[in-house]
Amino acid sequence: MATKKVTVTIPEELLDEIRTDAAERGLSAYVTEALRAKRDRDRLQELVNWLQEEHGPVTEEDRAAAIEELEDLDAEHERRRATGKRGSGEAA
């Protein structure tokens, strides 16, 4: 992957914290990962906005149902991890 050197201005206190956290990976890798994560969140927010324009806002009932489904999936994954079982189609 091609790279390009850029100059950015970061508050000194934040830079000190980041350098400590990024010590093993390096500052460039840390910043690259952070920028990718921010870009992905921005794209996801654009999708959410578009979906709300197309279909209306998420209702509390929809939100509760989604949370319940996620909790059920998490419980199933935890059960499988605890028993060492894999579902069909999963690699050994």
N, C-alpha and C. Protein backbone atom coordinates (compact mmCIF):
# COMPACT_ATOMS: atom_id res chain seq x y z
N MET A 1 0.84 -1.18 0.00
CA MET A 1 0.00 0.00 0.00
C MET A 1 0.89 1.24 0.00
N ALA A 2 0.59 2.14 -0.86
CA ALA A 2 1.34 3.40 -0.92
C ALA A 2 0.98 4.26 0.28
N THR A 3 1.94 5.00 0.77
CA THR A 3 1.70 5.91 1.89
C THR A 3 2.19 7.29 1.51
N LYS A 4 1.74 8.26 2.28
CA LYS A 4 2.17 9.63 2.05
C LYS A 4 2.33 10.31 3.40
N LYS A 5 3.40 11.03 3.56
CA LYS A 5 3.67 11.73 4.80
C LYS A 5 2.88 13.04 4.80
N VAL A 6 2.20 13.30 5.94
CA VAL A 6 1.44 14.54 6.10
C VAL A 6 1.79 15.17 7.45
N THR A 7 1.44 16.41 7.59
CA THR A 7 1.65 17.12 8.84
C THR A 7 0.30 17.45 9.44
N VAL A 8 0.12 17.13 10.72
CA VAL A 8 -1.12 17.46 11.42
C VAL A 8 -0.76 18.13 12.73
N THR A 9 -1.71 18.88 13.26
CA THR A 9 -1.52 19.54 14.55
C THR A 9 -2.44 18.87 15.56
N ILE A 10 -1.84 18.40 16.66
CA ILE A 10 -2.57 17.66 17.69
C ILE A 10 -2.24 18.30 19.04
N PRO A 11 -3.24 18.48 19.90
CA PRO A 11 -2.93 19.01 21.23
C PRO A 11 -1.84 18.17 21.91
N GLU A 12 -0.90 18.84 22.55
CA GLU A 12 0.27 18.17 23.12
C GLU A 12 -0.09 17.07 24.11
N GLU A 13 -1.07 17.33 24.98
CA GLU A 13 -1.46 16.34 25.98
C GLU A 13 -2.02 15.08 25.31
N LEU A 14 -2.82 15.26 24.28
CA LEU A 14 -3.38 14.12 23.55
C LEU A 14 -2.28 13.34 22.86
N LEU A 15 -1.34 14.04 22.25
CA LEU A 15 -0.23 13.37 21.58
C LEU A 15 0.60 12.54 22.55
N ASP A 16 0.82 13.07 23.75
CA ASP A 16 1.56 12.31 24.77
C ASP A 16 0.83 11.02 25.13
N GLU A 17 -0.48 11.10 25.31
CA GLU A 17 -1.28 9.91 25.62
C GLU A 17 -1.23 8.90 24.48
N ILE A 18 -1.37 9.39 23.25
CA ILE A 18 -1.38 8.51 22.08
C ILE A 18 -0.03 7.82 21.93
N ARG A 19 1.04 8.56 22.11
CA ARG A 19 2.37 7.96 21.97
C ARG A 19 2.56 6.84 23.00
N THR A 20 2.04 7.03 24.20
CA THR A 20 2.13 5.99 25.22
C THR A 20 1.34 4.76 24.79
N ASP A 21 0.10 4.98 24.32
CA ASP A 21 -0.76 3.87 23.89
C ASP A 21 -0.24 3.18 22.64
N ALA A 22 0.41 3.93 21.77
CA ALA A 22 0.84 3.41 20.47
C ALA A 22 2.27 2.90 20.46
N ALA A 23 2.90 2.83 21.60
CA ALA A 23 4.33 2.53 21.67
C ALA A 23 4.76 1.35 20.81
N GLU A 24 4.09 0.21 20.95
CA GLU A 24 4.51 -0.98 20.21
C GLU A 24 4.17 -0.89 18.73
N ARG A 25 2.99 -0.40 18.41
CA ARG A 25 2.55 -0.34 17.01
C ARG A 25 3.20 0.79 16.26
N GLY A 26 3.47 1.86 16.96
CA GLY A 26 3.99 3.06 16.31
C GLY A 26 2.88 4.07 16.10
N LEU A 27 3.25 5.32 16.12
CA LEU A 27 2.29 6.41 16.00
C LEU A 27 1.55 6.38 14.67
N SER A 28 2.25 6.15 13.58
CA SER A 28 1.59 6.14 12.27
C SER A 28 0.53 5.05 12.18
N ALA A 29 0.83 3.86 12.67
CA ALA A 29 -0.14 2.76 12.63
C ALA A 29 -1.34 3.09 13.50
N TYR A 30 -1.10 3.67 14.66
CA TYR A 30 -2.17 4.05 15.58
C TYR A 30 -3.10 5.08 14.93
N VAL A 31 -2.50 6.12 14.36
CA VAL A 31 -3.29 7.18 13.73
C VAL A 31 -4.04 6.63 12.52
N THR A 32 -3.41 5.78 11.73
CA THR A 32 -4.08 5.17 10.57
C THR A 32 -5.30 4.38 11.01
N GLU A 33 -5.14 3.58 12.07
CA GLU A 33 -6.26 2.78 12.58
C GLU A 33 -7.38 3.69 13.08
N ALA A 34 -7.03 4.76 13.78
CA ALA A 34 -8.03 5.69 14.30
C ALA A 34 -8.78 6.39 13.17
N LEU A 35 -8.05 6.79 12.13
CA LEU A 35 -8.70 7.46 10.99
C LEU A 35 -9.63 6.51 10.25
N ARG A 36 -9.21 5.25 10.09
CA ARG A 36 -10.09 4.27 9.43
C ARG A 36 -11.37 4.06 10.25
N ALA A 37 -11.22 3.96 11.56
CA ALA A 37 -12.39 3.76 12.42
C ALA A 37 -13.33 4.96 12.32
N LYS A 38 -12.78 6.16 12.31
CA LYS A 38 -13.60 7.38 12.19
C LYS A 38 -14.30 7.42 10.84
N ARG A 39 -13.57 7.08 9.77
CA ARG A 39 -14.18 7.05 8.44
C ARG A 39 -15.32 6.04 8.40
N ASP A 40 -15.12 4.87 8.99
CA ASP A 40 -16.16 3.85 9.00
C ASP A 40 -17.39 4.31 9.78
N ARG A 41 -17.17 4.97 10.93
CA ARG A 41 -18.31 5.51 11.70
C ARG A 41 -19.06 6.57 10.91
N ASP A 42 -18.32 7.43 10.21
CA ASP A 42 -18.97 8.46 9.39
C ASP A 42 -19.82 7.83 8.29
N ARG A 43 -19.29 6.81 7.64
CA ARG A 43 -20.04 6.12 6.59
C ARG A 43 -21.28 5.44 7.15
N LEU A 44 -21.13 4.83 8.32
CA LEU A 44 -22.27 4.18 8.96
C LEU A 44 -23.34 5.21 9.31
N GLN A 45 -22.92 6.37 9.81
CA GLN A 45 -23.88 7.43 10.13
C GLN A 45 -24.60 7.92 8.87
N GLU A 46 -23.90 8.01 7.76
CA GLU A 46 -24.54 8.38 6.49
C GLU A 46 -25.60 7.36 6.12
N LEU A 47 -25.29 6.06 6.30
CA LEU A 47 -26.26 5.00 6.01
C LEU A 47 -27.47 5.12 6.93
N VAL A 48 -27.24 5.34 8.21
CA VAL A 48 -28.34 5.49 9.16
C VAL A 48 -29.22 6.65 8.75
N ASN A 49 -28.62 7.78 8.41
CA ASN A 49 -29.39 8.95 7.99
C ASN A 49 -30.23 8.64 6.75
N TRP A 50 -29.62 7.97 5.78
CA TRP A 50 -30.34 7.63 4.55
C TRP A 50 -31.50 6.68 4.86
N LEU A 51 -31.24 5.66 5.68
CA LEU A 51 -32.30 4.70 6.02
C LEU A 51 -33.44 5.39 6.76
N GLN A 52 -33.12 6.33 7.63
CA GLN A 52 -34.18 7.05 8.34
C GLN A 52 -34.98 7.94 7.40
N GLU A 53 -34.31 8.52 6.41
CA GLU A 53 -35.03 9.32 5.42
C GLU A 53 -35.97 8.43 4.60
N GLU A 54 -35.49 7.24 4.25
CA GLU A 54 -36.28 6.32 3.43
C GLU A 54 -37.40 5.63 4.20
N HIS A 55 -37.13 5.25 5.46
CA HIS A 55 -38.05 4.39 6.20
C HIS A 55 -38.56 5.00 7.50
N GLY A 56 -38.12 6.19 7.82
CA GLY A 56 -38.52 6.82 9.08
C GLY A 56 -37.60 6.40 10.21
N PRO A 57 -37.71 7.09 11.32
CA PRO A 57 -36.84 6.79 12.45
C PRO A 57 -37.16 5.43 13.07
N VAL A 58 -36.19 4.88 13.76
CA VAL A 58 -36.38 3.61 14.45
C VAL A 58 -37.27 3.86 15.66
N THR A 59 -38.28 3.02 15.82
CA THR A 59 -39.17 3.17 16.97
C THR A 59 -38.54 2.50 18.18
N GLU A 60 -39.05 2.81 19.35
CA GLU A 60 -38.57 2.17 20.57
C GLU A 60 -38.83 0.67 20.53
N GLU A 61 -39.95 0.28 19.92
CA GLU A 61 -40.26 -1.15 19.80
C GLU A 61 -39.24 -1.85 18.91
N ASP A 62 -38.89 -1.21 17.79
CA ASP A 62 -37.86 -1.78 16.90
C ASP A 62 -36.52 -1.89 17.62
N ARG A 63 -36.17 -0.84 18.35
CA ARG A 63 -34.90 -0.82 19.07
C ARG A 63 -34.87 -1.94 20.12
N ALA A 64 -35.96 -2.08 20.87
CA ALA A 64 -36.03 -3.11 21.91
C ALA A 64 -35.93 -4.51 21.29
N ALA A 65 -36.60 -4.71 20.16
CA ALA A 65 -36.55 -6.01 19.48
C ALA A 65 -35.14 -6.31 18.99
N ALA A 66 -34.46 -5.31 18.46
CA ALA A 66 -33.10 -5.50 17.97
C ALA A 66 -32.15 -5.83 19.12
N ILE A 67 -32.30 -5.13 20.23
CA ILE A 67 -31.45 -5.40 21.39
C ILE A 67 -31.70 -6.80 21.92
N GLU A 68 -32.96 -7.21 21.97
CA GLU A 68 -33.29 -8.56 22.43
C GLU A 68 -32.67 -9.61 21.51
N GLU A 69 -32.73 -9.38 20.20
CA GLU A 69 -32.15 -10.32 19.25
C GLU A 69 -30.63 -10.39 19.41
N LEU A 70 -29.99 -9.25 19.60
CA LEU A 70 -28.54 -9.24 19.81
C LEU A 70 -28.17 -9.97 21.10
N GLU A 71 -28.95 -9.76 22.14
CA GLU A 71 -28.68 -10.46 23.40
C GLU A 71 -28.84 -11.97 23.23
N ASP A 72 -29.86 -12.38 22.46
CA ASP A 72 -30.04 -13.81 22.19
C ASP A 72 -28.85 -14.38 21.42
N LEU A 73 -28.36 -13.63 20.42
CA LEU A 73 -27.20 -14.08 19.65
C LEU A 73 -25.96 -14.16 20.53
N ASP A 74 -25.76 -13.15 21.38
CA ASP A 74 -24.62 -13.18 22.29
C ASP A 74 -24.69 -14.39 23.22
N ALA A 75 -25.88 -14.68 23.74
CA ALA A 75 -26.06 -15.83 24.63
C ALA A 75 -25.76 -17.13 23.89
N GLU A 76 -26.20 -17.23 22.64
CA GLU A 76 -25.95 -18.44 21.85
C GLU A 76 -24.46 -18.60 21.57
N HIS A 77 -23.79 -17.51 21.22
CA HIS A 77 -22.34 -17.57 20.99
C HIS A 77 -21.61 -17.98 22.26
N GLU A 78 -22.02 -17.43 23.37
CA GLU A 78 -21.38 -17.79 24.64
C GLU A 78 -21.62 -19.26 24.96
N ARG A 79 -22.83 -19.75 24.73
CA ARG A 79 -23.15 -21.15 24.96
C ARG A 79 -22.26 -22.04 24.11
N ARG A 80 -22.10 -21.68 22.83
CA ARG A 80 -21.26 -22.48 21.93
C ARG A 80 -19.80 -22.45 22.35
N ARG A 81 -19.32 -21.29 22.78
CA ARG A 81 -17.94 -21.21 23.25
C ARG A 81 -17.74 -22.10 24.48
N ALA A 82 -18.72 -22.07 25.38
CA ALA A 82 -18.61 -22.83 26.62
C ALA A 82 -18.64 -24.33 26.37
N THR A 83 -19.41 -24.77 25.38
CA THR A 83 -19.53 -26.21 25.11
C THR A 83 -18.58 -26.67 24.02
N GLY A 84 -17.95 -25.75 23.33
CA GLY A 84 -17.02 -26.11 22.27
C GLY A 84 -17.71 -26.58 21.02
N LYS A 85 -19.02 -26.37 20.92
CA LYS A 85 -19.77 -26.82 19.73
C LYS A 85 -19.73 -25.75 18.66
N ARG A 86 -19.74 -26.22 17.42
CA ARG A 86 -19.78 -25.32 16.27
C ARG A 86 -21.05 -25.60 15.50
N GLY A 87 -21.59 -24.55 14.89
CA GLY A 87 -22.78 -24.71 14.08
C GLY A 87 -22.43 -25.29 12.71
N SER A 88 -23.44 -25.66 11.96
CA SER A 88 -23.19 -26.20 10.63
C SER A 88 -22.57 -25.12 9.76
N GLY A 89 -21.63 -25.55 8.93
CA GLY A 89 -20.98 -24.62 8.02
C GLY A 89 -19.78 -23.92 8.61
N GLU A 90 -19.53 -24.11 9.90
CA GLU A 90 -18.37 -23.45 10.52
C GLU A 90 -17.13 -24.32 10.33
N ALA A 91 -16.02 -23.67 10.17
CA ALA A 91 -14.76 -24.38 10.02
C ALA A 91 -14.35 -25.00 11.34
N ALA A 92 -13.67 -26.12 11.25
CA ALA A 92 -13.21 -26.80 12.47
C ALA A 92 -11.99 -26.14 13.04
